[in-house]
Amino acid sequence: LYAPGHAGIESILDAKPFSEEALAKARA
């Protein structure tokens, strides 16, 4: 029965999922 979901980020800050590529793009 194990079926992990991929729940989105629930945030009022318009947050995005972390990845090192996303961090590099954000810092640039």
mmCIF file of all heavy atoms, coordinates in Angstrom:
data_MODEL
# 
_entry.id   MODEL 
# 
loop_
_atom_site.group_PDB 
_atom_site.id 
_atom_site.type_symbol 
_atom_site.label_atom_id 
_atom_site.label_alt_id 
_atom_site.label_comp_id 
_atom_site.label_asym_id 
_atom_site.label_entity_id 
_atom_site.label_seq_id 
_atom_site.pdbx_PDB_ins_code 
_atom_site.Cartn_x 
_atom_site.Cartn_y 
_atom_site.Cartn_z 
_atom_site.occupancy 
_atom_site.B_iso_or_equiv 
_atom_site.pdbx_formal_charge 
_atom_site.auth_seq_id 
_atom_site.auth_comp_id 
_atom_site.auth_asym_id 
_atom_site.auth_atom_id 
_atom_site.pdbx_PDB_model_num 
ATOM 1   N N   . LEU A 1 1  ? 0.811  -1.216 0.000   1.00 0.00 ? 1  LEU A N   1 
ATOM 2   C CA  . LEU A 1 1  ? 0.000  0.000  0.000   1.00 0.00 ? 1  LEU A CA  1 
ATOM 3   C C   . LEU A 1 1  ? 0.843  1.265  0.000   1.00 0.00 ? 1  LEU A C   1 
ATOM 4   O O   . LEU A 1 1  ? 0.301  2.370  -0.102  1.00 0.00 ? 1  LEU A O   1 
ATOM 5   C CB  . LEU A 1 1  ? -0.917 0.009  1.237   1.00 0.00 ? 1  LEU A CB  1 
ATOM 6   C CG  . LEU A 1 1  ? -1.986 -1.085 1.270   1.00 0.00 ? 1  LEU A CG  1 
ATOM 7   C CD1 . LEU A 1 1  ? -2.725 -1.064 2.600   1.00 0.00 ? 1  LEU A CD1 1 
ATOM 8   C CD2 . LEU A 1 1  ? -2.964 -0.913 0.116   1.00 0.00 ? 1  LEU A CD2 1 
ATOM 9   N N   . TYR A 1 2  ? 2.159  1.096  0.112   1.00 0.00 ? 2  TYR A N   1 
ATOM 10  C CA  . TYR A 1 2  ? 3.034  2.269  0.168   1.00 0.00 ? 2  TYR A CA  1 
ATOM 11  C C   . TYR A 1 2  ? 3.011  2.994  -1.170  1.00 0.00 ? 2  TYR A C   1 
ATOM 12  O O   . TYR A 1 2  ? 3.388  2.451  -2.203  1.00 0.00 ? 2  TYR A O   1 
ATOM 13  C CB  . TYR A 1 2  ? 4.456  1.837  0.510   1.00 0.00 ? 2  TYR A CB  1 
ATOM 14  C CG  . TYR A 1 2  ? 5.449  2.968  0.567   1.00 0.00 ? 2  TYR A CG  1 
ATOM 15  C CD1 . TYR A 1 2  ? 5.380  3.928  1.564   1.00 0.00 ? 2  TYR A CD1 1 
ATOM 16  C CD2 . TYR A 1 2  ? 6.467  3.078  -0.381  1.00 0.00 ? 2  TYR A CD2 1 
ATOM 17  C CE1 . TYR A 1 2  ? 6.293  4.969  1.625   1.00 0.00 ? 2  TYR A CE1 1 
ATOM 18  C CE2 . TYR A 1 2  ? 7.381  4.115  -0.332  1.00 0.00 ? 2  TYR A CE2 1 
ATOM 19  C CZ  . TYR A 1 2  ? 7.286  5.050  0.674   1.00 0.00 ? 2  TYR A CZ  1 
ATOM 20  O OH  . TYR A 1 2  ? 8.192  6.087  0.716   1.00 0.00 ? 2  TYR A OH  1 
ATOM 21  N N   . ALA A 1 3  ? 2.519  4.221  -1.167  1.00 0.00 ? 3  ALA A N   1 
ATOM 22  C CA  . ALA A 1 3  ? 2.417  5.023  -2.393  1.00 0.00 ? 3  ALA A CA  1 
ATOM 23  C C   . ALA A 1 3  ? 2.694  6.474  -2.040  1.00 0.00 ? 3  ALA A C   1 
ATOM 24  O O   . ALA A 1 3  ? 1.771  7.269  -1.854  1.00 0.00 ? 3  ALA A O   1 
ATOM 25  C CB  . ALA A 1 3  ? 1.033  4.868  -3.025  1.00 0.00 ? 3  ALA A CB  1 
ATOM 26  N N   . PRO A 1 4  ? 3.968  6.832  -1.920  1.00 0.00 ? 4  PRO A N   1 
ATOM 27  C CA  . PRO A 1 4  ? 4.294  8.203  -1.517  1.00 0.00 ? 4  PRO A CA  1 
ATOM 28  C C   . PRO A 1 4  ? 3.804  9.216  -2.538  1.00 0.00 ? 4  PRO A C   1 
ATOM 29  O O   . PRO A 1 4  ? 3.955  9.022  -3.745  1.00 0.00 ? 4  PRO A O   1 
ATOM 30  C CB  . PRO A 1 4  ? 5.825  8.193  -1.430  1.00 0.00 ? 4  PRO A CB  1 
ATOM 31  C CG  . PRO A 1 4  ? 6.253  7.067  -2.323  1.00 0.00 ? 4  PRO A CG  1 
ATOM 32  C CD  . PRO A 1 4  ? 5.172  6.031  -2.207  1.00 0.00 ? 4  PRO A CD  1 
ATOM 33  N N   . GLY A 1 5  ? 3.204  10.256 -2.051  1.00 0.00 ? 5  GLY A N   1 
ATOM 34  C CA  . GLY A 1 5  ? 2.745  11.326 -2.930  1.00 0.00 ? 5  GLY A CA  1 
ATOM 35  C C   . GLY A 1 5  ? 3.814  12.377 -3.076  1.00 0.00 ? 5  GLY A C   1 
ATOM 36  O O   . GLY A 1 5  ? 4.883  12.317 -2.486  1.00 0.00 ? 5  GLY A O   1 
ATOM 37  N N   . HIS A 1 6  ? 3.535  13.358 -3.912  1.00 0.00 ? 6  HIS A N   1 
ATOM 38  C CA  . HIS A 1 6  ? 4.449  14.471 -4.123  1.00 0.00 ? 6  HIS A CA  1 
ATOM 39  C C   . HIS A 1 6  ? 3.684  15.756 -3.858  1.00 0.00 ? 6  HIS A C   1 
ATOM 40  O O   . HIS A 1 6  ? 3.308  16.486 -4.771  1.00 0.00 ? 6  HIS A O   1 
ATOM 41  C CB  . HIS A 1 6  ? 5.012  14.452 -5.544  1.00 0.00 ? 6  HIS A CB  1 
ATOM 42  C CG  . HIS A 1 6  ? 5.783  13.203 -5.850  1.00 0.00 ? 6  HIS A CG  1 
ATOM 43  N ND1 . HIS A 1 6  ? 7.085  13.037 -5.439  1.00 0.00 ? 6  HIS A ND1 1 
ATOM 44  C CD2 . HIS A 1 6  ? 5.426  12.063 -6.495  1.00 0.00 ? 6  HIS A CD2 1 
ATOM 45  C CE1 . HIS A 1 6  ? 7.516  11.844 -5.846  1.00 0.00 ? 6  HIS A CE1 1 
ATOM 46  N NE2 . HIS A 1 6  ? 6.531  11.247 -6.481  1.00 0.00 ? 6  HIS A NE2 1 
ATOM 47  N N   . ALA A 1 7  ? 3.423  15.994 -2.589  1.00 0.00 ? 7  ALA A N   1 
ATOM 48  C CA  . ALA A 1 7  ? 2.627  17.157 -2.211  1.00 0.00 ? 7  ALA A CA  1 
ATOM 49  C C   . ALA A 1 7  ? 3.366  18.441 -2.544  1.00 0.00 ? 7  ALA A C   1 
ATOM 50  O O   . ALA A 1 7  ? 4.581  18.540 -2.387  1.00 0.00 ? 7  ALA A O   1 
ATOM 51  C CB  . ALA A 1 7  ? 2.321  17.114 -0.718  1.00 0.00 ? 7  ALA A CB  1 
ATOM 52  N N   . GLY A 1 8  ? 2.633  19.407 -3.048  1.00 0.00 ? 8  GLY A N   1 
ATOM 53  C CA  . GLY A 1 8  ? 3.235  20.693 -3.355  1.00 0.00 ? 8  GLY A CA  1 
ATOM 54  C C   . GLY A 1 8  ? 3.539  21.463 -2.086  1.00 0.00 ? 8  GLY A C   1 
ATOM 55  O O   . GLY A 1 8  ? 3.131  21.109 -0.989  1.00 0.00 ? 8  GLY A O   1 
ATOM 56  N N   . ILE A 1 9  ? 4.275  22.533 -2.254  1.00 0.00 ? 9  ILE A N   1 
ATOM 57  C CA  . ILE A 1 9  ? 4.654  23.366 -1.116  1.00 0.00 ? 9  ILE A CA  1 
ATOM 58  C C   . ILE A 1 9  ? 3.493  24.272 -0.755  1.00 0.00 ? 9  ILE A C   1 
ATOM 59  O O   . ILE A 1 9  ? 2.989  25.017 -1.593  1.00 0.00 ? 9  ILE A O   1 
ATOM 60  C CB  . ILE A 1 9  ? 5.900  24.199 -1.458  1.00 0.00 ? 9  ILE A CB  1 
ATOM 61  C CG1 . ILE A 1 9  ? 7.076  23.277 -1.752  1.00 0.00 ? 9  ILE A CG1 1 
ATOM 62  C CG2 . ILE A 1 9  ? 6.231  25.161 -0.332  1.00 0.00 ? 9  ILE A CG2 1 
ATOM 63  C CD1 . ILE A 1 9  ? 8.287  24.010 -2.280  1.00 0.00 ? 9  ILE A CD1 1 
ATOM 64  N N   . GLU A 1 10 ? 3.070  24.197 0.497   1.00 0.00 ? 10 GLU A N   1 
ATOM 65  C CA  . GLU A 1 10 ? 1.993  25.059 0.977   1.00 0.00 ? 10 GLU A CA  1 
ATOM 66  C C   . GLU A 1 10 ? 2.618  26.197 1.769   1.00 0.00 ? 10 GLU A C   1 
ATOM 67  O O   . GLU A 1 10 ? 3.016  26.037 2.916   1.00 0.00 ? 10 GLU A O   1 
ATOM 68  C CB  . GLU A 1 10 ? 1.026  24.252 1.848   1.00 0.00 ? 10 GLU A CB  1 
ATOM 69  C CG  . GLU A 1 10 ? 0.352  23.106 1.096   1.00 0.00 ? 10 GLU A CG  1 
ATOM 70  C CD  . GLU A 1 10 ? -0.562 22.286 1.984   1.00 0.00 ? 10 GLU A CD  1 
ATOM 71  O OE1 . GLU A 1 10 ? -0.660 22.637 3.185   1.00 0.00 ? 10 GLU A OE1 1 
ATOM 72  O OE2 . GLU A 1 10 ? -1.151 21.315 1.503   1.00 0.00 ? 10 GLU A OE2 1 
ATOM 73  N N   . SER A 1 11 ? 2.716  27.351 1.123   1.00 0.00 ? 11 SER A N   1 
ATOM 74  C CA  . SER A 1 11 ? 3.382  28.485 1.753   1.00 0.00 ? 11 SER A CA  1 
ATOM 75  C C   . SER A 1 11 ? 2.787  29.778 1.220   1.00 0.00 ? 11 SER A C   1 
ATOM 76  O O   . SER A 1 11 ? 2.459  29.886 0.035   1.00 0.00 ? 11 SER A O   1 
ATOM 77  C CB  . SER A 1 11 ? 4.889  28.451 1.460   1.00 0.00 ? 11 SER A CB  1 
ATOM 78  O OG  . SER A 1 11 ? 5.523  29.625 1.936   1.00 0.00 ? 11 SER A OG  1 
ATOM 79  N N   . ILE A 1 12 ? 2.663  30.759 2.102   1.00 0.00 ? 12 ILE A N   1 
ATOM 80  C CA  . ILE A 1 12 ? 2.181  32.067 1.678   1.00 0.00 ? 12 ILE A CA  1 
ATOM 81  C C   . ILE A 1 12 ? 3.314  32.907 1.088   1.00 0.00 ? 12 ILE A C   1 
ATOM 82  O O   . ILE A 1 12 ? 3.087  34.016 0.611   1.00 0.00 ? 12 ILE A O   1 
ATOM 83  C CB  . ILE A 1 12 ? 1.534  32.830 2.851   1.00 0.00 ? 12 ILE A CB  1 
ATOM 84  C CG1 . ILE A 1 12 ? 2.576  33.152 3.938   1.00 0.00 ? 12 ILE A CG1 1 
ATOM 85  C CG2 . ILE A 1 12 ? 0.375  32.046 3.430   1.00 0.00 ? 12 ILE A CG2 1 
ATOM 86  C CD1 . ILE A 1 12 ? 2.051  34.033 5.041   1.00 0.00 ? 12 ILE A CD1 1 
ATOM 87  N N   . LEU A 1 13 ? 4.546  32.363 1.100   1.00 0.00 ? 13 LEU A N   1 
ATOM 88  C CA  . LEU A 1 13 ? 5.709  33.125 0.650   1.00 0.00 ? 13 LEU A CA  1 
ATOM 89  C C   . LEU A 1 13 ? 6.056  32.872 -0.812  1.00 0.00 ? 13 LEU A C   1 
ATOM 90  O O   . LEU A 1 13 ? 7.123  33.284 -1.268  1.00 0.00 ? 13 LEU A O   1 
ATOM 91  C CB  . LEU A 1 13 ? 6.928  32.783 1.516   1.00 0.00 ? 13 LEU A CB  1 
ATOM 92  C CG  . LEU A 1 13 ? 6.801  33.054 3.009   1.00 0.00 ? 13 LEU A CG  1 
ATOM 93  C CD1 . LEU A 1 13 ? 8.087  32.668 3.729   1.00 0.00 ? 13 LEU A CD1 1 
ATOM 94  C CD2 . LEU A 1 13 ? 6.489  34.519 3.262   1.00 0.00 ? 13 LEU A CD2 1 
ATOM 95  N N   . ASP A 1 14 ? 5.198  32.183 -1.549  1.00 0.00 ? 14 ASP A N   1 
ATOM 96  C CA  . ASP A 1 14 ? 5.486  31.841 -2.947  1.00 0.00 ? 14 ASP A CA  1 
ATOM 97  C C   . ASP A 1 14 ? 6.817  31.097 -3.046  1.00 0.00 ? 14 ASP A C   1 
ATOM 98  O O   . ASP A 1 14 ? 7.679  31.410 -3.867  1.00 0.00 ? 14 ASP A O   1 
ATOM 99  C CB  . ASP A 1 14 ? 5.512  33.103 -3.817  1.00 0.00 ? 14 ASP A CB  1 
ATOM 100 C CG  . ASP A 1 14 ? 5.558  32.766 -5.317  1.00 0.00 ? 14 ASP A CG  1 
ATOM 101 O OD1 . ASP A 1 14 ? 5.067  31.686 -5.690  1.00 0.00 ? 14 ASP A OD1 1 
ATOM 102 O OD2 . ASP A 1 14 ? 6.103  33.583 -6.089  1.00 0.00 ? 14 ASP A OD2 1 
ATOM 103 N N   . ALA A 1 15 ? 6.984  30.116 -2.159  1.00 0.00 ? 15 ALA A N   1 
ATOM 104 C CA  . ALA A 1 15 ? 8.236  29.366 -2.096  1.00 0.00 ? 15 ALA A CA  1 
ATOM 105 C C   . ALA A 1 15 ? 8.310  28.352 -3.228  1.00 0.00 ? 15 ALA A C   1 
ATOM 106 O O   . ALA A 1 15 ? 7.294  27.841 -3.705  1.00 0.00 ? 15 ALA A O   1 
ATOM 107 C CB  . ALA A 1 15 ? 8.353  28.659 -0.752  1.00 0.00 ? 15 ALA A CB  1 
ATOM 108 N N   . LYS A 1 16 ? 9.542  28.053 -3.639  1.00 0.00 ? 16 LYS A N   1 
ATOM 109 C CA  . LYS A 1 16 ? 9.808  27.070 -4.683  1.00 0.00 ? 16 LYS A CA  1 
ATOM 110 C C   . LYS A 1 16 ? 10.618 25.917 -4.087  1.00 0.00 ? 16 LYS A C   1 
ATOM 111 O O   . LYS A 1 16 ? 11.337 26.090 -3.105  1.00 0.00 ? 16 LYS A O   1 
ATOM 112 C CB  . LYS A 1 16 ? 10.592 27.705 -5.831  1.00 0.00 ? 16 LYS A CB  1 
ATOM 113 C CG  . LYS A 1 16 ? 9.913  28.903 -6.485  1.00 0.00 ? 16 LYS A CG  1 
ATOM 114 C CD  . LYS A 1 16 ? 8.642  28.498 -7.223  1.00 0.00 ? 16 LYS A CD  1 
ATOM 115 C CE  . LYS A 1 16 ? 8.080  29.636 -8.056  1.00 0.00 ? 16 LYS A CE  1 
ATOM 116 N NZ  . LYS A 1 16 ? 7.683  30.807 -7.256  1.00 0.00 ? 16 LYS A NZ  1 
ATOM 117 N N   . PRO A 1 17 ? 10.513 24.718 -4.685  1.00 0.00 ? 17 PRO A N   1 
ATOM 118 C CA  . PRO A 1 17 ? 11.295 23.588 -4.174  1.00 0.00 ? 17 PRO A CA  1 
ATOM 119 C C   . PRO A 1 17 ? 12.790 23.846 -4.307  1.00 0.00 ? 17 PRO A C   1 
ATOM 120 O O   . PRO A 1 17 ? 13.248 24.426 -5.295  1.00 0.00 ? 17 PRO A O   1 
ATOM 121 C CB  . PRO A 1 17 ? 10.850 22.411 -5.058  1.00 0.00 ? 17 PRO A CB  1 
ATOM 122 C CG  . PRO A 1 17 ? 9.561  22.833 -5.660  1.00 0.00 ? 17 PRO A CG  1 
ATOM 123 C CD  . PRO A 1 17 ? 9.621  24.314 -5.797  1.00 0.00 ? 17 PRO A CD  1 
ATOM 124 N N   . PHE A 1 18 ? 13.549 23.385 -3.320  1.00 0.00 ? 18 PHE A N   1 
ATOM 125 C CA  . PHE A 1 18 ? 14.998 23.578 -3.344  1.00 0.00 ? 18 PHE A CA  1 
ATOM 126 C C   . PHE A 1 18 ? 15.665 22.580 -4.279  1.00 0.00 ? 18 PHE A C   1 
ATOM 127 O O   . PHE A 1 18 ? 15.328 21.400 -4.331  1.00 0.00 ? 18 PHE A O   1 
ATOM 128 C CB  . PHE A 1 18 ? 15.583 23.392 -1.937  1.00 0.00 ? 18 PHE A CB  1 
ATOM 129 C CG  . PHE A 1 18 ? 17.088 23.284 -1.943  1.00 0.00 ? 18 PHE A CG  1 
ATOM 130 C CD1 . PHE A 1 18 ? 17.869 24.422 -1.962  1.00 0.00 ? 18 PHE A CD1 1 
ATOM 131 C CD2 . PHE A 1 18 ? 17.708 22.039 -1.958  1.00 0.00 ? 18 PHE A CD2 1 
ATOM 132 C CE1 . PHE A 1 18 ? 19.257 24.326 -1.989  1.00 0.00 ? 18 PHE A CE1 1 
ATOM 133 C CE2 . PHE A 1 18 ? 19.090 21.933 -1.985  1.00 0.00 ? 18 PHE A CE2 1 
ATOM 134 C CZ  . PHE A 1 18 ? 19.862 23.079 -1.996  1.00 0.00 ? 18 PHE A CZ  1 
ATOM 135 N N   . SER A 1 19 ? 16.619 23.073 -5.022  1.00 0.00 ? 19 SER A N   1 
ATOM 136 C CA  . SER A 1 19 ? 17.619 22.272 -5.719  1.00 0.00 ? 19 SER A CA  1 
ATOM 137 C C   . SER A 1 19 ? 18.830 23.180 -5.864  1.00 0.00 ? 19 SER A C   1 
ATOM 138 O O   . SER A 1 19 ? 18.713 24.412 -5.793  1.00 0.00 ? 19 SER A O   1 
ATOM 139 C CB  . SER A 1 19 ? 17.135 21.799 -7.097  1.00 0.00 ? 19 SER A CB  1 
ATOM 140 O OG  . SER A 1 19 ? 17.024 22.897 -7.991  1.00 0.00 ? 19 SER A OG  1 
ATOM 141 N N   . GLU A 1 20 ? 19.991 22.600 -6.063  1.00 0.00 ? 20 GLU A N   1 
ATOM 142 C CA  . GLU A 1 20 ? 21.181 23.438 -6.198  1.00 0.00 ? 20 GLU A CA  1 
ATOM 143 C C   . GLU A 1 20 ? 21.110 24.287 -7.463  1.00 0.00 ? 20 GLU A C   1 
ATOM 144 O O   . GLU A 1 20 ? 21.644 25.401 -7.502  1.00 0.00 ? 20 GLU A O   1 
ATOM 145 C CB  . GLU A 1 20 ? 22.439 22.570 -6.175  1.00 0.00 ? 20 GLU A CB  1 
ATOM 146 C CG  . GLU A 1 20 ? 22.640 21.891 -4.819  1.00 0.00 ? 20 GLU A CG  1 
ATOM 147 C CD  . GLU A 1 20 ? 24.056 21.408 -4.608  1.00 0.00 ? 20 GLU A CD  1 
ATOM 148 O OE1 . GLU A 1 20 ? 24.990 22.211 -4.781  1.00 0.00 ? 20 GLU A OE1 1 
ATOM 149 O OE2 . GLU A 1 20 ? 24.222 20.224 -4.288  1.00 0.00 ? 20 GLU A OE2 1 
ATOM 150 N N   . GLU A 1 21 ? 20.448 23.769 -8.515  1.00 0.00 ? 21 GLU A N   1 
ATOM 151 C CA  . GLU A 1 21 ? 20.257 24.572 -9.724  1.00 0.00 ? 21 GLU A CA  1 
ATOM 152 C C   . GLU A 1 21 ? 19.344 25.756 -9.442  1.00 0.00 ? 21 GLU A C   1 
ATOM 153 O O   . GLU A 1 21 ? 19.619 26.886 -9.869  1.00 0.00 ? 21 GLU A O   1 
ATOM 154 C CB  . GLU A 1 21 ? 19.668 23.718 -10.851 1.00 0.00 ? 21 GLU A CB  1 
ATOM 155 C CG  . GLU A 1 21 ? 20.575 22.615 -11.346 1.00 0.00 ? 21 GLU A CG  1 
ATOM 156 C CD  . GLU A 1 21 ? 20.423 21.340 -10.550 1.00 0.00 ? 21 GLU A CD  1 
ATOM 157 O OE1 . GLU A 1 21 ? 19.817 21.380 -9.446  1.00 0.00 ? 21 GLU A OE1 1 
ATOM 158 O OE2 . GLU A 1 21 ? 20.919 20.297 -11.018 1.00 0.00 ? 21 GLU A OE2 1 
ATOM 159 N N   . ALA A 1 22 ? 18.249 25.510 -8.684  1.00 0.00 ? 22 ALA A N   1 
ATOM 160 C CA  . ALA A 1 22 ? 17.330 26.604 -8.349  1.00 0.00 ? 22 ALA A CA  1 
ATOM 161 C C   . ALA A 1 22 ? 18.028 27.644 -7.478  1.00 0.00 ? 22 ALA A C   1 
ATOM 162 O O   . ALA A 1 22 ? 17.804 28.852 -7.637  1.00 0.00 ? 22 ALA A O   1 
ATOM 163 C CB  . ALA A 1 22 ? 16.098 26.047 -7.634  1.00 0.00 ? 22 ALA A CB  1 
ATOM 164 N N   . LEU A 1 23 ? 18.892 27.189 -6.562  1.00 0.00 ? 23 LEU A N   1 
ATOM 165 C CA  . LEU A 1 23 ? 19.619 28.123 -5.705  1.00 0.00 ? 23 LEU A CA  1 
ATOM 166 C C   . LEU A 1 23 ? 20.579 28.977 -6.527  1.00 0.00 ? 23 LEU A C   1 
ATOM 167 O O   . LEU A 1 23 ? 20.662 30.200 -6.336  1.00 0.00 ? 23 LEU A O   1 
ATOM 168 C CB  . LEU A 1 23 ? 20.377 27.350 -4.627  1.00 0.00 ? 23 LEU A CB  1 
ATOM 169 C CG  . LEU A 1 23 ? 21.269 28.189 -3.701  1.00 0.00 ? 23 LEU A CG  1 
ATOM 170 C CD1 . LEU A 1 23 ? 20.458 29.257 -2.983  1.00 0.00 ? 23 LEU A CD1 1 
ATOM 171 C CD2 . LEU A 1 23 ? 21.992 27.295 -2.695  1.00 0.00 ? 23 LEU A CD2 1 
ATOM 172 N N   . ALA A 1 24 ? 21.316 28.344 -7.447  1.00 0.00 ? 24 ALA A N   1 
ATOM 173 C CA  . ALA A 1 24 ? 22.247 29.103 -8.286  1.00 0.00 ? 24 ALA A CA  1 
ATOM 174 C C   . ALA A 1 24 ? 21.507 30.133 -9.127  1.00 0.00 ? 24 ALA A C   1 
ATOM 175 O O   . ALA A 1 24 ? 21.953 31.275 -9.277  1.00 0.00 ? 24 ALA A O   1 
ATOM 176 C CB  . ALA A 1 24 ? 23.040 28.143 -9.173  1.00 0.00 ? 24 ALA A CB  1 
ATOM 177 N N   . LYS A 1 25 ? 20.364 29.738 -9.673  1.00 0.00 ? 25 LYS A N   1 
ATOM 178 C CA  . LYS A 1 25 ? 19.571 30.666 -10.496 1.00 0.00 ? 25 LYS A CA  1 
ATOM 179 C C   . LYS A 1 25 ? 19.049 31.818 -9.650  1.00 0.00 ? 25 LYS A C   1 
ATOM 180 O O   . LYS A 1 25 ? 19.068 32.989 -10.076 1.00 0.00 ? 25 LYS A O   1 
ATOM 181 C CB  . LYS A 1 25 ? 18.409 29.911 -11.146 1.00 0.00 ? 25 LYS A CB  1 
ATOM 182 C CG  . LYS A 1 25 ? 17.549 30.766 -12.063 1.00 0.00 ? 25 LYS A CG  1 
ATOM 183 C CD  . LYS A 1 25 ? 16.440 29.939 -12.695 1.00 0.00 ? 25 LYS A CD  1 
ATOM 184 C CE  . LYS A 1 25 ? 15.562 30.804 -13.590 1.00 0.00 ? 25 LYS A CE  1 
ATOM 185 N NZ  . LYS A 1 25 ? 14.456 30.004 -14.200 1.00 0.00 ? 25 LYS A NZ  1 
ATOM 186 N N   . ALA A 1 26 ? 18.576 31.509 -8.445  1.00 0.00 ? 26 ALA A N   1 
ATOM 187 C CA  . ALA A 1 26 ? 18.046 32.558 -7.582  1.00 0.00 ? 26 ALA A CA  1 
ATOM 188 C C   . ALA A 1 26 ? 19.143 33.538 -7.169  1.00 0.00 ? 26 ALA A C   1 
ATOM 189 O O   . ALA A 1 26 ? 18.941 34.756 -7.170  1.00 0.00 ? 26 ALA A O   1 
ATOM 190 C CB  . ALA A 1 26 ? 17.399 31.932 -6.342  1.00 0.00 ? 26 ALA A CB  1 
ATOM 191 N N   . ARG A 1 27 ? 20.317 33.026 -6.841  1.00 0.00 ? 27 ARG A N   1 
ATOM 192 C CA  . ARG A 1 27 ? 21.413 33.906 -6.437  1.00 0.00 ? 27 ARG A CA  1 
ATOM 193 C C   . ARG A 1 27 ? 21.905 34.754 -7.602  1.00 0.00 ? 27 ARG A C   1 
ATOM 194 O O   . ARG A 1 27 ? 22.313 35.901 -7.417  1.00 0.00 ? 27 ARG A O   1 
ATOM 195 C CB  . ARG A 1 27 ? 22.566 33.083 -5.862  1.00 0.00 ? 27 ARG A CB  1 
ATOM 196 C CG  . ARG A 1 27 ? 22.217 32.345 -4.575  1.00 0.00 ? 27 ARG A CG  1 
ATOM 197 C CD  . ARG A 1 27 ? 23.455 31.796 -3.908  1.00 0.00 ? 27 ARG A CD  1 
ATOM 198 N NE  . ARG A 1 27 ? 24.306 32.884 -3.426  1.00 0.00 ? 27 ARG A NE  1 
ATOM 199 C CZ  . ARG A 1 27 ? 25.527 32.701 -2.933  1.00 0.00 ? 27 ARG A CZ  1 
ATOM 200 N NH1 . ARG A 1 27 ? 26.024 31.474 -2.859  1.00 0.00 ? 27 ARG A NH1 1 
ATOM 201 N NH2 . ARG A 1 27 ? 26.239 33.719 -2.514  1.00 0.00 ? 27 ARG A NH2 1 
ATOM 202 N N   . ALA A 1 28 ? 21.879 34.185 -8.821  1.00 0.00 ? 28 ALA A N   1 
ATOM 203 C CA  . ALA A 1 28 ? 22.325 34.942 -9.993  1.00 0.00 ? 28 ALA A CA  1 
ATOM 204 C C   . ALA A 1 28 ? 21.396 36.103 -10.310 1.00 0.00 ? 28 ALA A C   1 
ATOM 205 O O   . ALA A 1 28 ? 21.781 37.020 -11.042 1.00 0.00 ? 28 ALA A O   1 
ATOM 206 C CB  . ALA A 1 28 ? 22.425 34.011 -11.198 1.00 0.00 ? 28 ALA A CB  1 
# 
